[in-house]
Amino acid sequence: REPGDLDLASDADLAVGFLKPTESQVHNR
């Protein structure tokens, strides 16, 4: 929900993941 939440993810998590919007149609617009 905010940049600080990324601290809970390791570099390995970031490498194998992607940022998925919680509301995809709003994000796509």
PDB file of all heavy atoms in Angstrom:
ATOM      1  N   ARG A   1       0.827  -1.219   0.000  1.00  0.00           N
ATOM      2  CA  ARG A   1       0.000   0.000   0.000  1.00  0.00           C
ATOM      3  C   ARG A   1       0.850   1.254   0.000  1.00  0.00           C
ATOM      4  O   ARG A   1       0.375   2.323  -0.366  1.00  0.00           O
ATOM      5  CB  ARG A   1      -0.934  -0.014   1.211  1.00  0.00           C
ATOM      6  CG  ARG A   1      -1.889  -1.201   1.217  1.00  0.00           C
ATOM      7  CD  ARG A   1      -2.799  -1.225   2.416  1.00  0.00           C
ATOM      8  NE  ARG A   1      -3.684  -2.393   2.397  1.00  0.00           N
ATOM      9  CZ  ARG A   1      -3.375  -3.574   2.905  1.00  0.00           C
ATOM     10  NH1 ARG A   1      -2.192  -3.763   3.482  1.00  0.00           N
ATOM     11  NH2 ARG A   1      -4.226  -4.582   2.833  1.00  0.00           N
ATOM     12  N   GLU A   2       2.098   1.117   0.436  1.00  0.00           N
ATOM     13  CA  GLU A   2       3.029   2.256   0.460  1.00  0.00           C
ATOM     14  C   GLU A   2       4.438   1.711   0.298  1.00  0.00           C
ATOM     15  O   GLU A   2       4.677   0.500   0.462  1.00  0.00           O
ATOM     16  CB  GLU A   2       2.893   3.020   1.769  1.00  0.00           C
ATOM     17  CG  GLU A   2       3.105   2.168   3.005  1.00  0.00           C
ATOM     18  CD  GLU A   2       2.841   2.938   4.280  1.00  0.00           C
ATOM     19  OE1 GLU A   2       1.932   3.791   4.280  1.00  0.00           O
ATOM     20  OE2 GLU A   2       3.550   2.682   5.267  1.00  0.00           O
ATOM     21  N   PRO A   3       5.397   2.587  -0.083  1.00  0.00           N
ATOM     22  CA  PRO A   3       6.753   2.103  -0.363  1.00  0.00           C
ATOM     23  C   PRO A   3       7.372   1.285   0.762  1.00  0.00           C
ATOM     24  O   PRO A   3       8.092   0.313   0.511  1.00  0.00           O
ATOM     25  CB  PRO A   3       7.533   3.394  -0.629  1.00  0.00           C
ATOM     26  CG  PRO A   3       6.508   4.342  -1.160  1.00  0.00           C
ATOM     27  CD  PRO A   3       5.242   4.034  -0.403  1.00  0.00           C
ATOM     28  N   GLY A   4       7.073   1.631   2.021  1.00  0.00           N
ATOM     29  CA  GLY A   4       7.661   0.915   3.145  1.00  0.00           C
ATOM     30  C   GLY A   4       7.283  -0.546   3.201  1.00  0.00           C
ATOM     31  O   GLY A   4       8.017  -1.374   3.770  1.00  0.00           O
ATOM     32  N   ASP A   5       6.140  -0.896   2.594  1.00  0.00           N
ATOM     33  CA  ASP A   5       5.718  -2.301   2.598  1.00  0.00           C
ATOM     34  C   ASP A   5       6.671  -3.183   1.810  1.00  0.00           C
ATOM     35  O   ASP A   5       6.744  -4.397   2.037  1.00  0.00           O
ATOM     36  CB  ASP A   5       4.300  -2.438   2.022  1.00  0.00           C
ATOM     37  CG  ASP A   5       3.249  -1.805   2.919  1.00  0.00           C
ATOM     38  OD1 ASP A   5       3.486  -1.711   4.135  1.00  0.00           O
ATOM     39  OD2 ASP A   5       2.184  -1.410   2.400  1.00  0.00           O
ATOM     40  N   LEU A   6       7.410  -2.574   0.885  1.00  0.00           N
ATOM     41  CA  LEU A   6       8.374  -3.352   0.098  1.00  0.00           C
ATOM     42  C   LEU A   6       9.527  -3.866   0.951  1.00  0.00           C
ATOM     43  O   LEU A   6      10.241  -4.785   0.530  1.00  0.00           O
ATOM     44  CB  LEU A   6       8.922  -2.498  -1.052  1.00  0.00           C
ATOM     45  CG  LEU A   6       7.918  -2.180  -2.165  1.00  0.00           C
ATOM     46  CD1 LEU A   6       8.451  -1.079  -3.063  1.00  0.00           C
ATOM     47  CD2 LEU A   6       7.611  -3.433  -2.979  1.00  0.00           C
ATOM     48  N   ASP A   7       9.693  -3.300   2.156  1.00  0.00           N
ATOM     49  CA  ASP A   7      10.765  -3.777   3.043  1.00  0.00           C
ATOM     50  C   ASP A   7      10.534  -5.227   3.466  1.00  0.00           C
ATOM     51  O   ASP A   7      11.483  -5.921   3.867  1.00  0.00           O
ATOM     52  CB  ASP A   7      10.861  -2.893   4.296  1.00  0.00           C
ATOM     53  CG  ASP A   7      11.313  -1.476   3.969  1.00  0.00           C
ATOM     54  OD1 ASP A   7      11.884  -1.279   2.874  1.00  0.00           O
ATOM     55  OD2 ASP A   7      11.084  -0.578   4.801  1.00  0.00           O
ATOM     56  N   LEU A   8       9.272  -5.678   3.384  1.00  0.00           N
ATOM     57  CA  LEU A   8       8.955  -7.053   3.765  1.00  0.00           C
ATOM     58  C   LEU A   8       9.299  -8.052   2.668  1.00  0.00           C
ATOM     59  O   LEU A   8       9.204  -9.266   2.879  1.00  0.00           O
ATOM     60  CB  LEU A   8       7.467  -7.168   4.111  1.00  0.00           C
ATOM     61  CG  LEU A   8       6.982  -6.309   5.298  1.00  0.00           C
ATOM     62  CD1 LEU A   8       5.480  -6.422   5.459  1.00  0.00           C
ATOM     63  CD2 LEU A   8       7.691  -6.727   6.585  1.00  0.00           C
ATOM     64  N   ALA A   9       9.659  -7.546   1.500  1.00  0.00           N
ATOM     65  CA  ALA A   9      10.016  -8.410   0.374  1.00  0.00           C
ATOM     66  C   ALA A   9      11.529  -8.450   0.209  1.00  0.00           C
ATOM     67  O   ALA A   9      12.201  -7.419   0.286  1.00  0.00           O
ATOM     68  CB  ALA A   9       9.371  -7.902  -0.910  1.00  0.00           C
ATOM     69  N   SER A  10      12.066  -9.638  -0.006  1.00  0.00           N
ATOM     70  CA  SER A  10      13.503  -9.768  -0.274  1.00  0.00           C
ATOM     71  C   SER A  10      13.791  -9.406  -1.727  1.00  0.00           C
ATOM     72  O   SER A  10      12.877  -9.294  -2.554  1.00  0.00           O
ATOM     73  CB  SER A  10      13.944 -11.207  -0.010  1.00  0.00           C
ATOM     74  OG  SER A  10      13.364 -12.080  -0.965  1.00  0.00           O
ATOM     75  N   ASP A  11      15.061  -9.223  -2.041  1.00  0.00           N
ATOM     76  CA  ASP A  11      15.437  -8.978  -3.435  1.00  0.00           C
ATOM     77  C   ASP A  11      15.029 -10.156  -4.314  1.00  0.00           C
ATOM     78  O   ASP A  11      14.636  -9.981  -5.473  1.00  0.00           O
ATOM     79  CB  ASP A  11      16.948  -8.743  -3.540  1.00  0.00           C
ATOM     80  CG  ASP A  11      17.369  -7.417  -2.921  1.00  0.00           C
ATOM     81  OD1 ASP A  11      16.486  -6.549  -2.728  1.00  0.00           O
ATOM     82  OD2 ASP A  11      18.572  -7.243  -2.626  1.00  0.00           O
ATOM     83  N   ALA A  12      15.099 -11.365  -3.745  1.00  0.00           N
ATOM     84  CA  ALA A  12      14.680 -12.548  -4.505  1.00  0.00           C
ATOM     85  C   ALA A  12      13.177 -12.504  -4.797  1.00  0.00           C
ATOM     86  O   ALA A  12      12.740 -12.884  -5.889  1.00  0.00           O
ATOM     87  CB  ALA A  12      15.031 -13.811  -3.738  1.00  0.00           C
ATOM     88  N   ASP A  13      12.378 -12.028  -3.826  1.00  0.00           N
ATOM     89  CA  ASP A  13      10.938 -11.894  -4.050  1.00  0.00           C
ATOM     90  C   ASP A  13      10.658 -10.919  -5.191  1.00  0.00           C
ATOM     91  O   ASP A  13       9.810 -11.175  -6.056  1.00  0.00           O
ATOM     92  CB  ASP A  13      10.240 -11.398  -2.785  1.00  0.00           C
ATOM     93  CG  ASP A  13      10.278 -12.404  -1.649  1.00  0.00           C
ATOM     94  OD1 ASP A  13      10.344 -13.616  -1.922  1.00  0.00           O
ATOM     95  OD2 ASP A  13      10.246 -11.960  -0.477  1.00  0.00           O
ATOM     96  N   LEU A  14      11.375  -9.799  -5.195  1.00  0.00           N
ATOM     97  CA  LEU A  14      11.191  -8.806  -6.248  1.00  0.00           C
ATOM     98  C   LEU A  14      11.590  -9.358  -7.611  1.00  0.00           C
ATOM     99  O   LEU A  14      10.964  -9.055  -8.625  1.00  0.00           O
ATOM    100  CB  LEU A  14      12.004  -7.548  -5.942  1.00  0.00           C
ATOM    101  CG  LEU A  14      11.499  -6.679  -4.781  1.00  0.00           C
ATOM    102  CD1 LEU A  14      12.513  -5.593  -4.447  1.00  0.00           C
ATOM    103  CD2 LEU A  14      10.159  -6.038  -5.142  1.00  0.00           C
ATOM    104  N   ALA A  15      12.612 -10.192  -7.614  1.00  0.00           N
ATOM    105  CA  ALA A  15      13.112 -10.737  -8.876  1.00  0.00           C
ATOM    106  C   ALA A  15      12.133 -11.712  -9.515  1.00  0.00           C
ATOM    107  O   ALA A  15      12.084 -11.835 -10.750  1.00  0.00           O
ATOM    108  CB  ALA A  15      14.462 -11.414  -8.658  1.00  0.00           C
ATOM    109  N   VAL A  16      11.342 -12.412  -8.697  1.00  0.00           N
ATOM    110  CA  VAL A  16      10.432 -13.416  -9.255  1.00  0.00           C
ATOM    111  C   VAL A  16       8.966 -12.966  -9.202  1.00  0.00           C
ATOM    112  O   VAL A  16       8.074 -13.747  -9.514  1.00  0.00           O
ATOM    113  CB  VAL A  16      10.565 -14.767  -8.516  1.00  0.00           C
ATOM    114  CG1 VAL A  16      11.976 -15.306  -8.649  1.00  0.00           C
ATOM    115  CG2 VAL A  16      10.158 -14.636  -7.046  1.00  0.00           C
ATOM    116  N   GLY A  17       8.747 -11.708  -8.819  1.00  0.00           N
ATOM    117  CA  GLY A  17       7.383 -11.220  -8.697  1.00  0.00           C
ATOM    118  C   GLY A  17       7.105 -10.050  -9.621  1.00  0.00           C
ATOM    119  O   GLY A  17       7.954  -9.627 -10.415  1.00  0.00           O
ATOM    120  N   PHE A  18       5.894  -9.533  -9.524  1.00  0.00           N
ATOM    121  CA  PHE A  18       5.524  -8.330 -10.275  1.00  0.00           C
ATOM    122  C   PHE A  18       4.540  -7.528  -9.439  1.00  0.00           C
ATOM    123  O   PHE A  18       3.897  -8.054  -8.524  1.00  0.00           O
ATOM    124  CB  PHE A  18       4.930  -8.678 -11.637  1.00  0.00           C
ATOM    125  CG  PHE A  18       3.569  -9.317 -11.591  1.00  0.00           C
ATOM    126  CD1 PHE A  18       2.431  -8.593 -11.914  1.00  0.00           C
ATOM    127  CD2 PHE A  18       3.404 -10.659 -11.237  1.00  0.00           C
ATOM    128  CE1 PHE A  18       1.179  -9.178 -11.884  1.00  0.00           C
ATOM    129  CE2 PHE A  18       2.151 -11.258 -11.206  1.00  0.00           C
ATOM    130  CZ  PHE A  18       1.034 -10.507 -11.522  1.00  0.00           C
ATOM    131  N   LEU A  19       4.453  -6.240  -9.720  1.00  0.00           N
ATOM    132  CA  LEU A  19       3.526  -5.364  -9.028  1.00  0.00           C
ATOM    133  C   LEU A  19       2.168  -5.451  -9.718  1.00  0.00           C
ATOM    134  O   LEU A  19       2.018  -5.050 -10.876  1.00  0.00           O
ATOM    135  CB  LEU A  19       4.036  -3.924  -9.035  1.00  0.00           C
ATOM    136  CG  LEU A  19       5.268  -3.651  -8.174  1.00  0.00           C
ATOM    137  CD1 LEU A  19       5.760  -2.224  -8.386  1.00  0.00           C
ATOM    138  CD2 LEU A  19       4.964  -3.885  -6.688  1.00  0.00           C
ATOM    139  N   LYS A  20       1.194  -5.990  -8.984  1.00  0.00           N
ATOM    140  CA  LYS A  20      -0.150  -6.188  -9.517  1.00  0.00           C
ATOM    141  C   LYS A  20      -1.089  -5.183  -8.859  1.00  0.00           C
ATOM    142  O   LYS A  20      -1.195  -5.135  -7.634  1.00  0.00           O
ATOM    143  CB  LYS A  20      -0.623  -7.615  -9.222  1.00  0.00           C
ATOM    144  CG  LYS A  20      -2.015  -7.942  -9.722  1.00  0.00           C
ATOM    145  CD  LYS A  20      -2.339  -9.406  -9.432  1.00  0.00           C
ATOM    146  CE  LYS A  20      -3.700  -9.804  -9.983  1.00  0.00           C
ATOM    147  NZ  LYS A  20      -3.963 -11.253  -9.784  1.00  0.00           N
ATOM    148  N   PRO A  21      -1.777  -4.336  -9.625  1.00  0.00           N
ATOM    149  CA  PRO A  21      -2.672  -3.352  -9.014  1.00  0.00           C
ATOM    150  C   PRO A  21      -3.860  -4.021  -8.337  1.00  0.00           C
ATOM    151  O   PRO A  21      -4.365  -5.045  -8.805  1.00  0.00           O
ATOM    152  CB  PRO A  21      -3.123  -2.499 -10.208  1.00  0.00           C
ATOM    153  CG  PRO A  21      -2.945  -3.378 -11.400  1.00  0.00           C
ATOM    154  CD  PRO A  21      -1.771  -4.253 -11.099  1.00  0.00           C
ATOM    155  N   THR A  22      -4.309  -3.430  -7.244  1.00  0.00           N
ATOM    156  CA  THR A  22      -5.464  -3.991  -6.545  1.00  0.00           C
ATOM    157  C   THR A  22      -6.764  -3.717  -7.304  1.00  0.00           C
ATOM    158  O   THR A  22      -7.743  -4.434  -7.116  1.00  0.00           O
ATOM    159  CB  THR A  22      -5.579  -3.443  -5.117  1.00  0.00           C
ATOM    160  OG1 THR A  22      -5.627  -2.018  -5.161  1.00  0.00           O
ATOM    161  CG2 THR A  22      -4.383  -3.877  -4.276  1.00  0.00           C
ATOM    162  N   GLU A  23      -6.784  -2.674  -8.142  1.00  0.00           N
ATOM    163  CA  GLU A  23      -7.938  -2.412  -9.004  1.00  0.00           C
ATOM    164  C   GLU A  23      -7.417  -2.296 -10.424  1.00  0.00           C
ATOM    165  O   GLU A  23      -6.950  -1.245 -10.851  1.00  0.00           O
ATOM    166  CB  GLU A  23      -8.675  -1.145  -8.578  1.00  0.00           C
ATOM    167  CG  GLU A  23      -9.361  -1.264  -7.219  1.00  0.00           C
ATOM    168  CD  GLU A  23     -10.217  -0.066  -6.903  1.00  0.00           C
ATOM    169  OE1 GLU A  23     -11.166   0.225  -7.661  1.00  0.00           O
ATOM    170  OE2 GLU A  23      -9.928   0.594  -5.896  1.00  0.00           O
ATOM    171  N   SER A  24      -7.517  -3.382 -11.177  1.00  0.00           N
ATOM    172  CA  SER A  24      -6.832  -3.464 -12.457  1.00  0.00           C
ATOM    173  C   SER A  24      -7.382  -2.499 -13.496  1.00  0.00           C
ATOM    174  O   SER A  24      -6.630  -1.909 -14.280  1.00  0.00           O
ATOM    175  CB  SER A  24      -6.879  -4.897 -12.987  1.00  0.00           C
ATOM    176  OG  SER A  24      -8.210  -5.342 -13.095  1.00  0.00           O
ATOM    177  N   GLN A  25      -8.713  -2.303 -13.543  1.00  0.00           N
ATOM    178  CA  GLN A  25      -9.259  -1.412 -14.568  1.00  0.00           C
ATOM    179  C   GLN A  25      -8.911   0.037 -14.294  1.00  0.00           C
ATOM    180  O   GLN A  25      -8.639   0.806 -15.222  1.00  0.00           O
ATOM    181  CB  GLN A  25     -10.778  -1.615 -14.693  1.00  0.00           C
ATOM    182  CG  GLN A  25     -11.138  -2.969 -15.303  1.00  0.00           C
ATOM    183  CD  GLN A  25     -12.588  -3.073 -15.713  1.00  0.00           C
ATOM    184  OE1 GLN A  25     -13.456  -2.345 -15.224  1.00  0.00           O
ATOM    185  NE2 GLN A  25     -12.887  -3.991 -16.617  1.00  0.00           N
ATOM    186  N   VAL A  26      -8.883   0.447 -13.021  1.00  0.00           N
ATOM    187  CA  VAL A  26      -8.464   1.812 -12.678  1.00  0.00           C
ATOM    188  C   VAL A  26      -6.999   2.014 -13.060  1.00  0.00           C
ATOM    189  O   VAL A  26      -6.626   3.027 -13.671  1.00  0.00           O
ATOM    190  CB  VAL A  26      -8.675   2.079 -11.173  1.00  0.00           C
ATOM    191  CG1 VAL A  26      -8.104   3.444 -10.789  1.00  0.00           C
ATOM    192  CG2 VAL A  26     -10.150   1.998 -10.826  1.00  0.00           C
ATOM    193  N   HIS A  27      -6.163   1.037 -12.726  1.00  0.00           N
ATOM    194  CA  HIS A  27      -4.743   1.118 -13.057  1.00  0.00           C
ATOM    195  C   HIS A  27      -4.542   1.202 -14.570  1.00  0.00           C
ATOM    196  O   HIS A  27      -3.730   1.991 -15.067  1.00  0.00           O
ATOM    197  CB  HIS A  27      -4.019  -0.105 -12.493  1.00  0.00           C
ATOM    198  CG  HIS A  27      -2.545  -0.119 -12.739  1.00  0.00           C
ATOM    199  ND1 HIS A  27      -1.998  -0.688 -13.868  1.00  0.00           N
ATOM    200  CD2 HIS A  27      -1.503   0.364 -12.018  1.00  0.00           C
ATOM    201  CE1 HIS A  27      -0.684  -0.565 -13.826  1.00  0.00           C
ATOM    202  NE2 HIS A  27      -0.366   0.063 -12.723  1.00  0.00           N
ATOM    203  N   ASN A  28      -5.289   0.400 -15.308  1.00  0.00           N
ATOM    204  CA  ASN A  28      -5.119   0.369 -16.757  1.00  0.00           C
ATOM    205  C   ASN A  28      -5.481   1.707 -17.398  1.00  0.00           C
ATOM    206  O   ASN A  28      -4.865   2.109 -18.392  1.00  0.00           O
ATOM    207  CB  ASN A  28      -5.969  -0.750 -17.356  1.00  0.00           C
ATOM    208  CG  ASN A  28      -5.641  -1.004 -18.805  1.00  0.00           C
ATOM    209  OD1 ASN A  28      -4.496  -1.244 -19.167  1.00  0.00           O
ATOM    210  ND2 ASN A  28      -6.650  -0.934 -19.658  1.00  0.00           N
ATOM    211  N   ARG A  29      -6.464   2.397 -16.827  1.00  0.00           N
ATOM    212  CA  ARG A  29      -6.832   3.699 -17.386  1.00  0.00           C
ATOM    213  C   ARG A  29      -5.698   4.706 -17.255  1.00  0.00           C
ATOM    214  O   ARG A  29      -5.540   5.590 -18.093  1.00  0.00           O
ATOM    215  CB  ARG A  29      -8.095   4.233 -16.697  1.00  0.00           C
ATOM    216  CG  ARG A  29      -9.381   3.648 -17.252  1.00  0.00           C
ATOM    217  CD  ARG A  29     -10.594   4.427 -16.791  1.00  0.00           C
ATOM    218  NE  ARG A  29     -10.837   4.214 -15.361  1.00  0.00           N
ATOM    219  CZ  ARG A  29     -11.587   3.225 -14.888  1.00  0.00           C
ATOM    220  NH1 ARG A  29     -12.143   2.366 -15.706  1.00  0.00           N
ATOM    221  NH2 ARG A  29     -11.785   3.091 -13.599  1.00  0.00           N
TER     222      ARG A  29
END
